[in-house]
PDB file of N, CA and C in Angstrom:
ATOM      1  N   MET A   1     -27.278  24.119   3.918  1.00  0.00           N
ATOM      2  CA  MET A   1     -28.395  23.215   3.700  1.00  0.00           C
ATOM      3  C   MET A   1     -28.504  22.264   4.893  1.00  0.00           C
ATOM      4  N   SER A   2     -29.703  21.814   5.139  1.00  0.00           N
ATOM      5  CA  SER A   2     -29.922  20.942   6.277  1.00  0.00           C
ATOM      6  C   SER A   2     -29.444  19.512   6.011  1.00  0.00           C
ATOM      7  N   ASN A   3     -29.432  19.110   4.761  1.00  0.00           N
ATOM      8  CA  ASN A   3     -29.017  17.762   4.406  1.00  0.00           C
ATOM      9  C   ASN A   3     -27.512  17.746   4.147  1.00  0.00           C
ATOM     10  N   ASP A   4     -26.791  16.883   4.852  1.00  0.00           N
ATOM     11  CA  ASP A   4     -25.340  16.802   4.682  1.00  0.00           C
ATOM     12  C   ASP A   4     -24.936  16.355   3.287  1.00  0.00           C
ATOM     13  N   TRP A   5     -25.792  15.640   2.597  1.00  0.00           N
ATOM     14  CA  TRP A   5     -25.477  15.085   1.286  1.00  0.00           C
ATOM     15  C   TRP A   5     -26.070  15.881   0.133  1.00  0.00           C
ATOM     16  N   TYR A   6     -26.570  17.083   0.398  1.00  0.00           N
ATOM     17  CA  TYR A   6     -27.241  17.875  -0.633  1.00  0.00           C
ATOM     18  C   TYR A   6     -26.325  18.133  -1.831  1.00  0.00           C
ATOM     19  N   TYR A   7     -25.118  18.608  -1.578  1.00  0.00           N
ATOM     20  CA  TYR A   7     -24.225  18.962  -2.684  1.00  0.00           C
ATOM     21  C   TYR A   7     -23.698  17.728  -3.412  1.00  0.00           C
ATOM     22  N   VAL A   8     -23.525  16.639  -2.710  1.00  0.00           N
ATOM     23  CA  VAL A   8     -23.123  15.389  -3.368  1.00  0.00           C
ATOM     24  C   VAL A   8     -24.244  14.922  -4.301  1.00  0.00           C
ATOM     25  N   HIS A   9     -25.473  15.039  -3.836  1.00  0.00           N
ATOM     26  CA  HIS A   9     -26.623  14.669  -4.660  1.00  0.00           C
ATOM     27  C   HIS A   9     -26.706  15.566  -5.891  1.00  0.00           C
ATOM     28  N   GLN A  10     -26.545  16.864  -5.704  1.00  0.00           N
ATOM     29  CA  GLN A  10     -26.587  17.794  -6.833  1.00  0.00           C
ATOM     30  C   GLN A  10     -25.476  17.491  -7.835  1.00  0.00           C
ATOM     31  N   LEU A  11     -24.306  17.146  -7.327  1.00  0.00           N
ATOM     32  CA  LEU A  11     -23.185  16.787  -8.199  1.00  0.00           C
ATOM     33  C   LEU A  11     -23.524  15.560  -9.035  1.00  0.00           C
ATOM     34  N   ALA A  12     -24.091  14.550  -8.406  1.00  0.00           N
ATOM     35  CA  ALA A  12     -24.457  13.332  -9.126  1.00  0.00           C
ATOM     36  C   ALA A  12     -25.515  13.604 -10.181  1.00  0.00           C
ATOM     37  N   VAL A  13     -26.504  14.413  -9.847  1.00  0.00           N
ATOM     38  CA  VAL A  13     -27.580  14.728 -10.796  1.00  0.00           C
ATOM     39  C   VAL A  13     -27.033  15.499 -11.990  1.00  0.00           C
ATOM     40  N   LEU A  14     -26.245  16.538 -11.733  1.00  0.00           N
ATOM     41  CA  LEU A  14     -25.712  17.339 -12.833  1.00  0.00           C
ATOM     42  C   LEU A  14     -24.725  16.560 -13.688  1.00  0.00           C
ATOM     43  N   ALA A  15     -23.901  15.729 -13.056  1.00  0.00           N
ATOM     44  CA  ALA A  15     -22.959  14.917 -13.826  1.00  0.00           C
ATOM     45  C   ALA A  15     -23.711  13.917 -14.709  1.00  0.00           C
ATOM     46  N   GLY A  16     -24.771  13.330 -14.176  1.00  0.00           N
ATOM     47  CA  GLY A  16     -25.581  12.415 -14.975  1.00  0.00           C
ATOM     48  C   GLY A  16     -26.270  13.127 -16.130  1.00  0.00           C
ATOM     49  N   PHE A  17     -26.781  14.319 -15.863  1.00  0.00           N
ATOM     50  CA  PHE A  17     -27.433  15.089 -16.914  1.00  0.00           C
ATOM     51  C   PHE A  17     -26.426  15.484 -17.990  1.00  0.00           C
ATOM     52  N   ARG A  18     -25.214  15.838 -17.576  1.00  0.00           N
ATOM     53  CA  ARG A  18     -24.177  16.184 -18.559  1.00  0.00           C
ATOM     54  C   ARG A  18     -23.837  14.985 -19.436  1.00  0.00           C
ATOM     55  N   LEU A  19     -23.777  13.797 -18.849  1.00  0.00           N
ATOM     56  CA  LEU A  19     -23.528  12.588 -19.645  1.00  0.00           C
ATOM     57  C   LEU A  19     -24.636  12.363 -20.673  1.00  0.00           C
ATOM     58  N   ILE A  20     -25.873  12.619 -20.278  1.00  0.00           N
ATOM     59  CA  ILE A  20     -26.998  12.478 -21.205  1.00  0.00           C
ATOM     60  C   ILE A  20     -26.877  13.480 -22.345  1.00  0.00           C
ATOM     61  N   VAL A  21     -26.523  14.715 -22.013  1.00  0.00           N
ATOM     62  CA  VAL A  21     -26.353  15.748 -23.046  1.00  0.00           C
ATOM     63  C   VAL A  21     -25.253  15.344 -24.018  1.00  0.00           C
ATOM     64  N   LEU A  22     -24.134  14.859 -23.496  1.00  0.00           N
ATOM     65  CA  LEU A  22     -23.033  14.443 -24.372  1.00  0.00           C
ATOM     66  C   LEU A  22     -23.412  13.239 -25.225  1.00  0.00           C
ATOM     67  N   ALA A  23     -24.175  12.317 -24.660  1.00  0.00           N
ATOM     68  CA  ALA A  23     -24.615  11.148 -25.433  1.00  0.00           C
ATOM     69  C   ALA A  23     -25.599  11.563 -26.532  1.00  0.00           C
ATOM     70  N   ASN A  24     -26.482  12.492 -26.226  1.00  0.00           N
ATOM     71  CA  ASN A  24     -27.447  12.951 -27.228  1.00  0.00           C
ATOM     72  C   ASN A  24     -26.792  13.800 -28.306  1.00  0.00           C
ATOM     73  N   ARG A  25     -25.647  14.356 -28.007  1.00  0.00           N
ATOM     74  CA  ARG A  25     -24.926  15.158 -28.990  1.00  0.00           C
ATOM     75  C   ARG A  25     -24.537  14.317 -30.205  1.00  0.00           C
ATOM     76  N   VAL A  26     -24.322  13.048 -30.003  1.00  0.00           N
ATOM     77  CA  VAL A  26     -23.932  12.156 -31.093  1.00  0.00           C
ATOM     78  C   VAL A  26     -24.985  12.139 -32.193  1.00  0.00           C
ATOM     79  N   GLY A  27     -26.252  12.255 -31.820  1.00  0.00           N
ATOM     80  CA  GLY A  27     -27.329  12.194 -32.800  1.00  0.00           C
ATOM     81  C   GLY A  27     -27.679  13.521 -33.455  1.00  0.00           C
ATOM     82  N   CYS A  28     -26.944  14.572 -33.157  1.00  0.00           N
ATOM     83  CA  CYS A  28     -27.246  15.884 -33.738  1.00  0.00           C
ATOM     84  C   CYS A  28     -26.914  15.898 -35.222  1.00  0.00           C
ATOM     85  N   GLU A  29     -27.840  16.452 -36.000  1.00  0.00           N
ATOM     86  CA  GLU A  29     -27.673  16.422 -37.445  1.00  0.00           C
ATOM     87  C   GLU A  29     -27.217  17.743 -38.047  1.00  0.00           C
ATOM     88  N   ASN A  30     -27.297  18.840 -37.297  1.00  0.00           N
ATOM     89  CA  ASN A  30     -26.845  20.105 -37.871  1.00  0.00           C
ATOM     90  C   ASN A  30     -25.957  20.858 -36.881  1.00  0.00           C
ATOM     91  N   GLU A  31     -25.322  21.880 -37.380  1.00  0.00           N
ATOM     92  CA  GLU A  31     -24.351  22.639 -36.596  1.00  0.00           C
ATOM     93  C   GLU A  31     -24.996  23.349 -35.406  1.00  0.00           C
ATOM     94  N   PHE A  32     -26.208  23.842 -35.592  1.00  0.00           N
ATOM     95  CA  PHE A  32     -26.901  24.544 -34.507  1.00  0.00           C
ATOM     96  C   PHE A  32     -27.098  23.625 -33.307  1.00  0.00           C
ATOM     97  N   LEU A  33     -27.569  22.419 -33.536  1.00  0.00           N
ATOM     98  CA  LEU A  33     -27.793  21.473 -32.443  1.00  0.00           C
ATOM     99  C   LEU A  33     -26.486  21.051 -31.781  1.00  0.00           C
ATOM    100  N   LEU A  34     -25.440  20.866 -32.575  1.00  0.00           N
ATOM    101  CA  LEU A  34     -24.133  20.529 -32.004  1.00  0.00           C
ATOM    102  C   LEU A  34     -23.642  21.643 -31.086  1.00  0.00           C
ATOM    103  N   GLU A  35     -23.780  22.889 -31.553  1.00  0.00           N
ATOM    104  CA  GLU A  35     -23.342  24.018 -30.749  1.00  0.00           C
ATOM    105  C   GLU A  35     -24.172  24.158 -29.481  1.00  0.00           C
ATOM    106  N   LEU A  36     -25.463  23.926 -29.587  1.00  0.00           N
ATOM    107  CA  LEU A  36     -26.344  24.011 -28.422  1.00  0.00           C
ATOM    108  C   LEU A  36     -25.972  22.964 -27.368  1.00  0.00           C
ATOM    109  N   HIS A  37     -25.730  21.741 -27.813  1.00  0.00           N
ATOM    110  CA  HIS A  37     -25.325  20.685 -26.886  1.00  0.00           C
ATOM    111  C   HIS A  37     -23.967  20.987 -26.264  1.00  0.00           C
ATOM    112  N   ASP A  38     -23.046  21.516 -27.058  1.00  0.00           N
ATOM    113  CA  ASP A  38     -21.723  21.863 -26.531  1.00  0.00           C
ATOM    114  C   ASP A  38     -21.817  22.942 -25.459  1.00  0.00           C
ATOM    115  N   LYS A  39     -22.627  23.972 -25.702  1.00  0.00           N
ATOM    116  CA  LYS A  39     -22.788  25.046 -24.724  1.00  0.00           C
ATOM    117  C   LYS A  39     -23.416  24.534 -23.438  1.00  0.00           C
ATOM    118  N   LEU A  40     -24.431  23.700 -23.567  1.00  0.00           N
ATOM    119  CA  LEU A  40     -25.079  23.156 -22.376  1.00  0.00           C
ATOM    120  C   LEU A  40     -24.114  22.281 -21.582  1.00  0.00           C
ATOM    121  N   ALA A  41     -23.356  21.435 -22.271  1.00  0.00           N
ATOM    122  CA  ALA A  41     -22.379  20.579 -21.591  1.00  0.00           C
ATOM    123  C   ALA A  41     -21.316  21.424 -20.895  1.00  0.00           C
ATOM    124  N   GLU A  42     -20.890  22.522 -21.519  1.00  0.00           N
ATOM    125  CA  GLU A  42     -19.888  23.401 -20.916  1.00  0.00           C
ATOM    126  C   GLU A  42     -20.427  24.084 -19.662  1.00  0.00           C
ATOM    127  N   LYS A  43     -21.668  24.549 -19.717  1.00  0.00           N
ATOM    128  CA  LYS A  43     -22.256  25.224 -18.557  1.00  0.00           C
ATOM    129  C   LYS A  43     -22.515  24.240 -17.418  1.00  0.00           C
ATOM    130  N   LEU A  44     -22.880  23.023 -17.757  1.00  0.00           N
ATOM    131  CA  LEU A  44     -23.036  21.999 -16.725  1.00  0.00           C
ATOM    132  C   LEU A  44     -21.689  21.669 -16.095  1.00  0.00           C
ATOM    133  N   ALA A  45     -20.637  21.664 -16.897  1.00  0.00           N
ATOM    134  CA  ALA A  45     -19.292  21.419 -16.362  1.00  0.00           C
ATOM    135  C   ALA A  45     -18.890  22.522 -15.383  1.00  0.00           C
ATOM    136  N   CYS A  46     -19.291  23.763 -15.666  1.00  0.00           N
ATOM    137  CA  CYS A  46     -19.002  24.869 -14.743  1.00  0.00           C
ATOM    138  C   CYS A  46     -19.733  24.671 -13.414  1.00  0.00           C
ATOM    139  N   ALA A  47     -20.991  24.249 -13.484  1.00  0.00           N
ATOM    140  CA  ALA A  47     -21.753  23.999 -12.254  1.00  0.00           C
ATOM    141  C   ALA A  47     -21.131  22.851 -11.470  1.00  0.00           C
ATOM    142  N   ILE A  48     -20.695  21.827 -12.164  1.00  0.00           N
ATOM    143  CA  ILE A  48     -20.062  20.680 -11.523  1.00  0.00           C
ATOM    144  C   ILE A  48     -18.760  21.106 -10.841  1.00  0.00           C
ATOM    145  N   ALA A  49     -17.987  21.967 -11.480  1.00  0.00           N
ATOM    146  CA  ALA A  49     -16.743  22.462 -10.885  1.00  0.00           C
ATOM    147  C   ALA A  49     -17.027  23.252  -9.603  1.00  0.00           C
ATOM    148  N   ARG A  50     -18.079  24.057  -9.605  1.00  0.00           N
ATOM    149  CA  ARG A  50     -18.434  24.818  -8.403  1.00  0.00           C
ATOM    150  C   ARG A  50     -18.842  23.863  -7.280  1.00  0.00           C
ATOM    151  N   LEU A  51     -19.599  22.820  -7.613  1.00  0.00           N
ATOM    152  CA  LEU A  51     -19.997  21.847  -6.595  1.00  0.00           C
ATOM    153  C   LEU A  51     -18.786  21.109  -6.027  1.00  0.00           C
ATOM    154  N   ARG A  52     -17.839  20.779  -6.881  1.00  0.00           N
ATOM    155  CA  ARG A  52     -16.624  20.114  -6.394  1.00  0.00           C
ATOM    156  C   ARG A  52     -15.856  21.016  -5.443  1.00  0.00           C
ATOM    157  N   SER A  53     -15.854  22.312  -5.737  1.00  0.00           N
ATOM    158  CA  SER A  53     -15.202  23.276  -4.852  1.00  0.00           C
ATOM    159  C   SER A  53     -15.908  23.335  -3.502  1.00  0.00           C
ATOM    160  N   ILE A  54     -17.231  23.342  -3.521  1.00  0.00           N
ATOM    161  CA  ILE A  54     -18.003  23.364  -2.274  1.00  0.00           C
ATOM    162  C   ILE A  54     -17.726  22.112  -1.452  1.00  0.00           C
ATOM    163  N   ILE A  55     -17.729  20.971  -2.095  1.00  0.00           N
ATOM    164  CA  ILE A  55     -17.503  19.712  -1.383  1.00  0.00           C
ATOM    165  C   ILE A  55     -16.083  19.672  -0.806  1.00  0.00           C
ATOM    166  N   ALA A  56     -15.098  20.180  -1.552  1.00  0.00           N
ATOM    167  CA  ALA A  56     -13.727  20.218  -1.049  1.00  0.00           C
ATOM    168  C   ALA A  56     -13.616  21.135   0.168  1.00  0.00           C
ATOM    169  N   LEU A  57     -14.298  22.279   0.134  1.00  0.00           N
ATOM    170  CA  LEU A  57     -14.278  23.179   1.287  1.00  0.00           C
ATOM    171  C   LEU A  57     -14.968  22.554   2.492  1.00  0.00           C
ATOM    172  N   GLU A  58     -16.073  21.856   2.269  1.00  0.00           N
ATOM    173  CA  GLU A  58     -16.743  21.164   3.375  1.00  0.00           C
ATOM    174  C   GLU A  58     -15.833  20.111   3.981  1.00  0.00           C
ATOM    175  N   ARG A  59     -15.130  19.384   3.132  1.00  0.00           N
ATOM    176  CA  ARG A  59     -14.204  18.359   3.612  1.00  0.00           C
ATOM    177  C   ARG A  59     -13.068  19.001   4.408  1.00  0.00           C
ATOM    178  N   GLN A  60     -12.563  20.137   3.918  1.00  0.00           N
ATOM    179  CA  GLN A  60     -11.497  20.848   4.625  1.00  0.00           C
ATOM    180  C   GLN A  60     -11.964  21.318   5.997  1.00  0.00           C
ATOM    181  N   LEU A  61     -13.178  21.854   6.067  1.00  0.00           N
ATOM    182  CA  LEU A  61     -13.710  22.311   7.351  1.00  0.00           C
ATOM    183  C   LEU A  61     -13.939  21.160   8.322  1.00  0.00           C
ATOM    184  N   ALA A  62     -14.312  20.002   7.793  1.00  0.00           N
ATOM    185  CA  ALA A  62     -14.571  18.850   8.651  1.00  0.00           C
ATOM    186  C   ALA A  62     -13.282  18.253   9.213  1.00  0.00           C
ATOM    187  N   SER A  63     -12.186  18.383   8.459  1.00  0.00           N
ATOM    188  CA  SER A  63     -10.952  17.728   8.898  1.00  0.00           C
ATOM    189  C   SER A  63      -9.960  18.656   9.591  1.00  0.00           C
ATOM    190  N   ASP A  64      -9.964  19.936   9.246  1.00  0.00           N
ATOM    191  CA  ASP A  64      -8.991  20.871   9.810  1.00  0.00           C
ATOM    192  C   ASP A  64      -9.700  21.996  10.552  1.00  0.00           C
ATOM    193  N   PRO A  65      -9.145  22.398  11.688  1.00  0.00           N
ATOM    194  CA  PRO A  65      -9.729  23.557  12.378  1.00  0.00           C
ATOM    195  C   PRO A  65      -9.505  24.829  11.559  1.00  0.00           C
ATOM    196  N   ASP A  66     -10.493  25.692  11.556  1.00  0.00           N
ATOM    197  CA  ASP A  66     -10.434  26.932  10.778  1.00  0.00           C
ATOM    198  C   ASP A  66     -10.527  28.108  11.742  1.00  0.00           C
ATOM    199  N   GLU A  67      -9.383  28.414  12.389  1.00  0.00           N
ATOM    200  CA  GLU A  67      -9.379  29.461  13.415  1.00  0.00           C
ATOM    201  C   GLU A  67      -9.734  30.834  12.851  1.00  0.00           C
ATOM    202  N   GLU A  68      -9.254  31.142  11.657  1.00  0.00           N
ATOM    203  CA  GLU A  68      -9.484  32.459  11.082  1.00  0.00           C
ATOM    204  C   GLU A  68     -10.850  32.584  10.415  1.00  0.00           C
ATOM    205  N   GLY A  69     -11.482  31.472  10.110  1.00  0.00           N
ATOM    206  CA  GLY A  69     -12.793  31.492   9.480  1.00  0.00           C
ATOM    207  C   GLY A  69     -12.759  31.732   7.981  1.00  0.00           C
ATOM    208  N   LEU A  70     -11.568  31.658   7.386  1.00  0.00           N
ATOM    209  CA  LEU A  70     -11.433  31.919   5.962  1.00  0.00           C
ATOM    210  C   LEU A  70     -12.144  30.858   5.117  1.00  0.00           C
ATOM    211  N   ALA A  71     -11.956  29.601   5.451  1.00  0.00           N
ATOM    212  CA  ALA A  71     -12.588  28.527   4.682  1.00  0.00           C
ATOM    213  C   ALA A  71     -14.102  28.587   4.810  1.00  0.00           C
ATOM    214  N   ALA A  72     -14.602  28.902   6.002  1.00  0.00           N
ATOM    215  CA  ALA A  72     -16.055  29.013   6.193  1.00  0.00           C
ATOM    216  C   ALA A  72     -16.611  30.179   5.389  1.00  0.00           C
ATOM    217  N   PHE A  73     -15.872  31.281   5.348  1.00  0.00           N
ATOM    218  CA  PHE A  73     -16.291  32.441   4.564  1.00  0.00           C
ATOM    219  C   PHE A  73     -16.317  32.104   3.084  1.00  0.00           C
ATOM    220  N   GLN A  74     -15.279  31.425   2.619  1.00  0.00           N
ATOM    221  CA  GLN A  74     -15.210  31.023   1.218  1.00  0.00           C
ATOM    222  C   GLN A  74     -16.323  30.034   0.881  1.00  0.00           C
ATOM    223  N   LEU A  75     -16.615  29.118   1.781  1.00  0.00           N
ATOM    224  CA  LEU A  75     -17.687  28.151   1.567  1.00  0.00           C
ATOM    225  C   LEU A  75     -19.034  28.856   1.422  1.00  0.00           C
ATOM    226  N   ARG A  76     -19.301  29.824   2.299  1.00  0.00           N
ATOM    227  CA  ARG A  76     -20.563  30.581   2.196  1.00  0.00           C
ATOM    228  C   ARG A  76     -20.668  31.294   0.854  1.00  0.00           C
ATOM    229  N   GLY A  77     -19.563  31.864   0.393  1.00  0.00           N
ATOM    230  CA  GLY A  77     -19.555  32.540  -0.902  1.00  0.00           C
ATOM    231  C   GLY A  77     -19.824  31.582  -2.049  1.00  0.00           C
ATOM    232  N   GLU A  78     -19.189  30.418  -2.014  1.00  0.00           N
ATOM    233  CA  GLU A  78     -19.405  29.407  -3.060  1.00  0.00           C
ATOM    234  C   GLU A  78     -20.849  28.920  -3.056  1.00  0.00           C
ATOM    235  N   GLU A  79     -21.407  28.717  -1.869  1.00  0.00           N
ATOM    236  CA  GLU A  79     -22.796  28.267  -1.775  1.00  0.00           C
ATOM    237  C   GLU A  79     -23.758  29.318  -2.328  1.00  0.00           C
ATOM    238  N   GLU A  80     -23.490  30.589  -2.041  1.00  0.00           N
ATOM    239  CA  GLU A  80     -24.335  31.656  -2.563  1.00  0.00           C
ATOM    240  C   GLU A  80     -24.242  31.742  -4.083  1.00  0.00           C
ATOM    241  N   CYS A  81     -23.037  31.596  -4.612  1.00  0.00           N
ATOM    242  CA  CYS A  81     -22.865  31.616  -6.068  1.00  0.00           C
ATOM    243  C   CYS A  81     -23.587  30.451  -6.725  1.00  0.00           C
ATOM    244  N   PHE A  82     -23.489  29.280  -6.123  1.00  0.00           N
ATOM    245  CA  PHE A  82     -24.175  28.123  -6.695  1.00  0.00           C
ATOM    246  C   PHE A  82     -25.691  28.287  -6.626  1.00  0.00           C
ATOM    247  N   ALA A  83     -26.182  28.888  -5.560  1.00  0.00           N
ATOM    248  CA  ALA A  83     -27.632  29.095  -5.415  1.00  0.00           C
ATOM    249  C   ALA A  83     -28.155  30.014  -6.514  1.00  0.00           C
ATOM    250  N   ARG A  84     -27.335  30.937  -6.997  1.00  0.00           N
ATOM    251  CA  ARG A  84     -27.764  31.860  -8.043  1.00  0.00           C
ATOM    252  C   ARG A  84     -27.437  31.346  -9.441  1.00  0.00           C
ATOM    253  N   PHE A  85     -26.787  30.207  -9.538  1.00  0.00           N
ATOM    254  CA  PHE A  85     -26.322  29.686 -10.826  1.00  0.00           C
ATOM    255  C   PHE A  85     -27.516  29.301 -11.687  1.00  0.00           C
ATOM    256  N   THR A  86     -27.556  29.844 -12.884  1.00  0.00           N
ATOM    257  CA  THR A  86     -28.594  29.478 -13.845  1.00  0.00           C
ATOM    258  C   THR A  86     -27.941  29.141 -15.171  1.00  0.00           C
ATOM    259  N   ILE A  87     -28.607  28.319 -15.931  1.00  0.00           N
ATOM    260  CA  ILE A  87     -28.114  27.947 -17.262  1.00  0.00           C
ATOM    261  C   ILE A  87     -29.134  28.423 -18.282  1.00  0.00           C
ATOM    262  N   HIS A  88     -28.669  29.263 -19.197  1.00  0.00           N
ATOM    263  CA  HIS A  88     -29.516  29.752 -20.277  1.00  0.00           C
ATOM    264  C   HIS A  88     -29.106  29.023 -21.554  1.00  0.00           C
ATOM    265  N   ALA A  89     -30.097  28.606 -22.313  1.00  0.00           N
ATOM    266  CA  ALA A  89     -29.813  27.824 -23.520  1.00  0.00           C
ATOM    267  C   ALA A  89     -29.132  28.650 -24.598  1.00  0.00           C
ATOM    268  N   ALA A  90     -29.422  29.895 -24.684  1.00  0.00           N
ATOM    269  CA  ALA A  90     -28.864  30.700 -25.780  1.00  0.00           C
ATOM    270  C   ALA A  90     -27.603  31.395 -25.380  1.00  0.00           C
TER     271      ALA A  90
END
């Protein structure tokens, strides 16, 4: 991405959205809604974990030389996986 802070921004947005989902879960009145909120919160947590991995790899590349290119290769793979990441409600 062209913006150095893109993944940090995405992390903040998804973490905030997950907090909203968890807060709204308190008001759920039936089992279906509780399960739906739980699934959404879990899938958002997975996206957040992938973003944390991307940010850690970026930090590693910025601080340590990567002669073999392994970290850069792994970073590209993580970025591609995140780009395809979708959340389905059901």
